Amino acid sequence: QVQLVESGGGLVQAGGSLRLSCAASGSIFSINPMGWYRQAPGKQRELVATITISRSTNYADSVKGRFTISRDKSKKMVFLQMNSLKFEDTAVYYCAAEFREGTPNAWGQGTQVTVSS
């Protein structure tokens, strides 16, 4: 089973930037695609972005133009560059993999992102 470990969360002022990282272990099939989700207090977990092995990407409308998902040459590290952060981006961000029928089945432990207004 794939294991996912996130890092890079923290506290930032509105308009600032953060970069999240996710290290994956497991078969190449388990990590195609990989994605980032987030869950704000009192809200459901939602998709932020996904990326395939061939680096095809997909973004939630709320982050398009501000967030960029990428992966390294090993394809087992995935990053989320978050620019122009807004208060409403505050959430716990989760790395995700092992997608089946569009739903991830493996999650990281989550990393807190707090944007102060």
C-alpha atoms as a PDB file:
ATOM      1  CA  GLN A   1       0.000   0.000   0.000  1.00  0.00           C
ATOM      2  CA  VAL A   2       1.240   3.472  -0.842  1.00  0.00           C
ATOM      3  CA  GLN A   3       2.394   5.700   2.006  1.00  0.00           C
ATOM      4  CA  LEU A   4       2.225   9.481   1.770  1.00  0.00           C
ATOM      5  CA  VAL A   5       4.056  12.015   3.923  1.00  0.00           C
ATOM      6  CA  GLU A   6       3.313  15.729   3.601  1.00  0.00           C
ATOM      7  CA  SER A   7       5.324  18.724   4.730  1.00  0.00           C
ATOM      8  CA  GLY A   8       5.408  22.456   4.239  1.00  0.00           C
ATOM      9  CA  GLY A   9       2.305  23.828   5.901  1.00  0.00           C
ATOM     10  CA  GLY A  10       2.310  26.839   8.175  1.00  0.00           C
ATOM     11  CA  LEU A  11       1.027  30.316   8.890  1.00  0.00           C
ATOM     12  CA  VAL A  12       1.179  32.989   6.214  1.00  0.00           C
ATOM     13  CA  GLN A  13      -0.380  36.386   5.640  1.00  0.00           C
ATOM     14  CA  ALA A  14      -2.930  36.881   2.900  1.00  0.00           C
ATOM     15  CA  GLY A  15      -1.182  37.430  -0.401  1.00  0.00           C
ATOM     16  CA  GLY A  16       1.754  35.281   0.633  1.00  0.00           C
ATOM     17  CA  SER A  17       3.009  31.945  -0.648  1.00  0.00           C
ATOM     18  CA  LEU A  18       3.628  28.439   0.658  1.00  0.00           C
ATOM     19  CA  ARG A  19       4.906  25.256  -0.929  1.00  0.00           C
ATOM     20  CA  LEU A  20       3.637  21.868   0.150  1.00  0.00           C
ATOM     21  CA  SER A  21       5.518  18.639  -0.512  1.00  0.00           C
ATOM     22  CA  CYS A  22       4.367  15.028  -0.529  1.00  0.00           C
ATOM     23  CA  ALA A  23       6.671  12.020  -0.613  1.00  0.00           C
ATOM     24  CA  ALA A  24       5.117   8.771  -1.856  1.00  0.00           C
ATOM     25  CA  SER A  25       6.237   5.179  -1.610  1.00  0.00           C
ATOM     26  CA  GLY A  26       4.619   2.374  -3.539  1.00  0.00           C
ATOM     27  CA  SER A  27       4.070   1.149  -7.067  1.00  0.00           C
ATOM     28  CA  ILE A  28       3.911   3.536  -9.991  1.00  0.00           C
ATOM     29  CA  PHE A  29       0.318   2.470 -10.564  1.00  0.00           C
ATOM     30  CA  SER A  30      -0.661   3.611  -7.081  1.00  0.00           C
ATOM     31  CA  ILE A  31       0.672   7.109  -7.663  1.00  0.00           C
ATOM     32  CA  ASN A  32      -0.935   7.816 -11.033  1.00  0.00           C
ATOM     33  CA  PRO A  33      -2.505  10.228 -10.524  1.00  0.00           C
ATOM     34  CA  MET A  34      -1.662  11.960  -7.266  1.00  0.00           C
ATOM     35  CA  GLY A  35      -3.510  14.897  -5.838  1.00  0.00           C
ATOM     36  CA  TRP A  36      -4.015  17.469  -3.125  1.00  0.00           C
ATOM     37  CA  TYR A  37      -7.260  17.873  -1.228  1.00  0.00           C
ATOM     38  CA  ARG A  38      -8.157  20.236   1.589  1.00  0.00           C
ATOM     39  CA  GLN A  39     -10.658  20.368   4.411  1.00  0.00           C
ATOM     40  CA  ALA A  40     -11.630  23.564   6.183  1.00  0.00           C
ATOM     41  CA  PRO A  41     -13.347  23.518   9.591  1.00  0.00           C
ATOM     42  CA  GLY A  42     -16.981  22.527   9.262  1.00  0.00           C
ATOM     43  CA  LYS A  43     -16.655  21.772   5.561  1.00  0.00           C
ATOM     44  CA  GLN A  44     -16.289  18.671   3.432  1.00  0.00           C
ATOM     45  CA  ARG A  45     -12.932  17.640   2.035  1.00  0.00           C
ATOM     46  CA  GLU A  46     -12.526  19.030  -1.479  1.00  0.00           C
ATOM     47  CA  LEU A  47     -10.257  18.496  -4.428  1.00  0.00           C
ATOM     48  CA  VAL A  48      -7.559  21.110  -4.966  1.00  0.00           C
ATOM     49  CA  ALA A  49      -5.478  19.662  -7.807  1.00  0.00           C
ATOM     50  CA  THR A  50      -4.328  16.419  -9.403  1.00  0.00           C
ATOM     51  CA  ILE A  51      -1.390  15.434 -11.586  1.00  0.00           C
ATOM     52  CA  THR A  52      -0.734  12.302 -13.633  1.00  0.00           C
ATOM     53  CA  ILE A  53       2.535  10.534 -14.386  1.00  0.00           C
ATOM     54  CA  SER A  54       2.572  12.336 -17.725  1.00  0.00           C
ATOM     55  CA  ARG A  55       2.124  15.609 -15.767  1.00  0.00           C
ATOM     56  CA  SER A  56      -1.384  16.303 -16.957  1.00  0.00           C
ATOM     57  CA  THR A  57      -2.996  18.562 -14.354  1.00  0.00           C
ATOM     58  CA  ASN A  58      -6.444  19.450 -13.098  1.00  0.00           C
ATOM     59  CA  TYR A  59      -7.396  22.253 -10.697  1.00  0.00           C
ATOM     60  CA  ALA A  60     -10.387  23.369  -8.690  1.00  0.00           C
ATOM     61  CA  ASP A  61     -11.774  26.628 -10.068  1.00  0.00           C
ATOM     62  CA  SER A  62     -11.084  28.349  -6.751  1.00  0.00           C
ATOM     63  CA  VAL A  63      -7.305  27.877  -7.075  1.00  0.00           C
ATOM     64  CA  LYS A  64      -6.750  28.185 -10.820  1.00  0.00           C
ATOM     65  CA  GLY A  65      -4.083  30.749 -11.616  1.00  0.00           C
ATOM     66  CA  ARG A  66      -2.830  30.791  -8.021  1.00  0.00           C
ATOM     67  CA  PHE A  67      -1.797  27.198  -7.246  1.00  0.00           C
ATOM     68  CA  THR A  68       0.519  24.967  -9.254  1.00  0.00           C
ATOM     69  CA  ILE A  69       0.858  21.212  -8.797  1.00  0.00           C
ATOM     70  CA  SER A  70       4.018  19.493  -9.998  1.00  0.00           C
ATOM     71  CA  ARG A  71       6.045  16.338  -9.506  1.00  0.00           C
ATOM     72  CA  ASP A  72       9.759  15.635  -9.638  1.00  0.00           C
ATOM     73  CA  LYS A  73      11.712  13.409 -12.040  1.00  0.00           C
ATOM     74  CA  SER A  74      11.312  10.388  -9.768  1.00  0.00           C
ATOM     75  CA  LYS A  75       7.549  11.003  -9.996  1.00  0.00           C
ATOM     76  CA  LYS A  76       7.263  10.075  -6.323  1.00  0.00           C
ATOM     77  CA  MET A  77       7.431  13.637  -4.980  1.00  0.00           C
ATOM     78  CA  VAL A  78       4.489  15.924  -5.593  1.00  0.00           C
ATOM     79  CA  PHE A  79       4.433  19.616  -4.791  1.00  0.00           C
ATOM     80  CA  LEU A  80       1.766  22.271  -4.444  1.00  0.00           C
ATOM     81  CA  GLN A  81       2.988  25.829  -4.925  1.00  0.00           C
ATOM     82  CA  MET A  82       0.395  28.171  -3.465  1.00  0.00           C
ATOM     83  CA  ASN A  83       0.623  31.857  -4.356  1.00  0.00           C
ATOM     84  CA  SER A  84      -1.655  34.810  -3.635  1.00  0.00           C
ATOM     85  CA  LEU A  85      -3.082  32.956  -0.672  1.00  0.00           C
ATOM     86  CA  LYS A  86      -6.475  34.014   0.650  1.00  0.00           C
ATOM     87  CA  PHE A  87      -8.067  33.645   4.054  1.00  0.00           C
ATOM     88  CA  GLU A  88     -10.453  31.093   2.559  1.00  0.00           C
ATOM     89  CA  ASP A  89      -7.515  28.850   1.617  1.00  0.00           C
ATOM     90  CA  THR A  90      -7.107  28.068   5.316  1.00  0.00           C
ATOM     91  CA  ALA A  91      -7.523  24.312   5.739  1.00  0.00           C
ATOM     92  CA  VAL A  92      -5.781  21.048   6.407  1.00  0.00           C
ATOM     93  CA  TYR A  93      -4.217  19.945   3.136  1.00  0.00           C
ATOM     94  CA  TYR A  94      -3.960  16.240   2.328  1.00  0.00           C
ATOM     95  CA  CYS A  95      -1.900  14.424  -0.247  1.00  0.00           C
ATOM     96  CA  ALA A  96      -3.864  11.675  -2.005  1.00  0.00           C
ATOM     97  CA  ALA A  97      -3.168   8.640  -4.201  1.00  0.00           C
ATOM     98  CA  GLU A  98      -4.501   5.195  -5.171  1.00  0.00           C
ATOM     99  CA  PHE A  99      -7.360   6.641  -7.158  1.00  0.00           C
ATOM    100  CA  ARG A 100     -10.113   4.180  -8.078  1.00  0.00           C
ATOM    101  CA  GLU A 101     -13.016   5.439 -10.131  1.00  0.00           C
ATOM    102  CA  GLY A 102     -11.873   8.973  -9.417  1.00  0.00           C
ATOM    103  CA  THR A 103     -11.741   8.586  -5.640  1.00  0.00           C
ATOM    104  CA  PRO A 104      -8.471   8.462  -3.667  1.00  0.00           C
ATOM    105  CA  ASN A 105      -7.959   5.563  -1.300  1.00  0.00           C
ATOM    106  CA  ALA A 106      -4.671   6.588   0.254  1.00  0.00           C
ATOM    107  CA  TRP A 107      -4.157   9.751   2.291  1.00  0.00           C
ATOM    108  CA  GLY A 108      -1.328  11.498   3.987  1.00  0.00           C
ATOM    109  CA  GLN A 109      -1.571  12.686   7.561  1.00  0.00           C
ATOM    110  CA  GLY A 110      -2.431  16.240   6.530  1.00  0.00           C
ATOM    111  CA  THR A 111      -0.648  19.536   6.977  1.00  0.00           C
ATOM    112  CA  GLN A 112      -2.238  22.715   8.323  1.00  0.00           C
ATOM    113  CA  VAL A 113      -2.237  25.860   6.197  1.00  0.00           C
ATOM    114  CA  THR A 114      -3.427  28.998   7.953  1.00  0.00           C
ATOM    115  CA  VAL A 115      -3.809  32.279   6.091  1.00  0.00           C
ATOM    116  CA  SER A 116      -4.240  35.365   8.222  1.00  0.00           C
ATOM    117  CA  SER A 117      -6.296  38.206   6.818  1.00  0.00           C
END
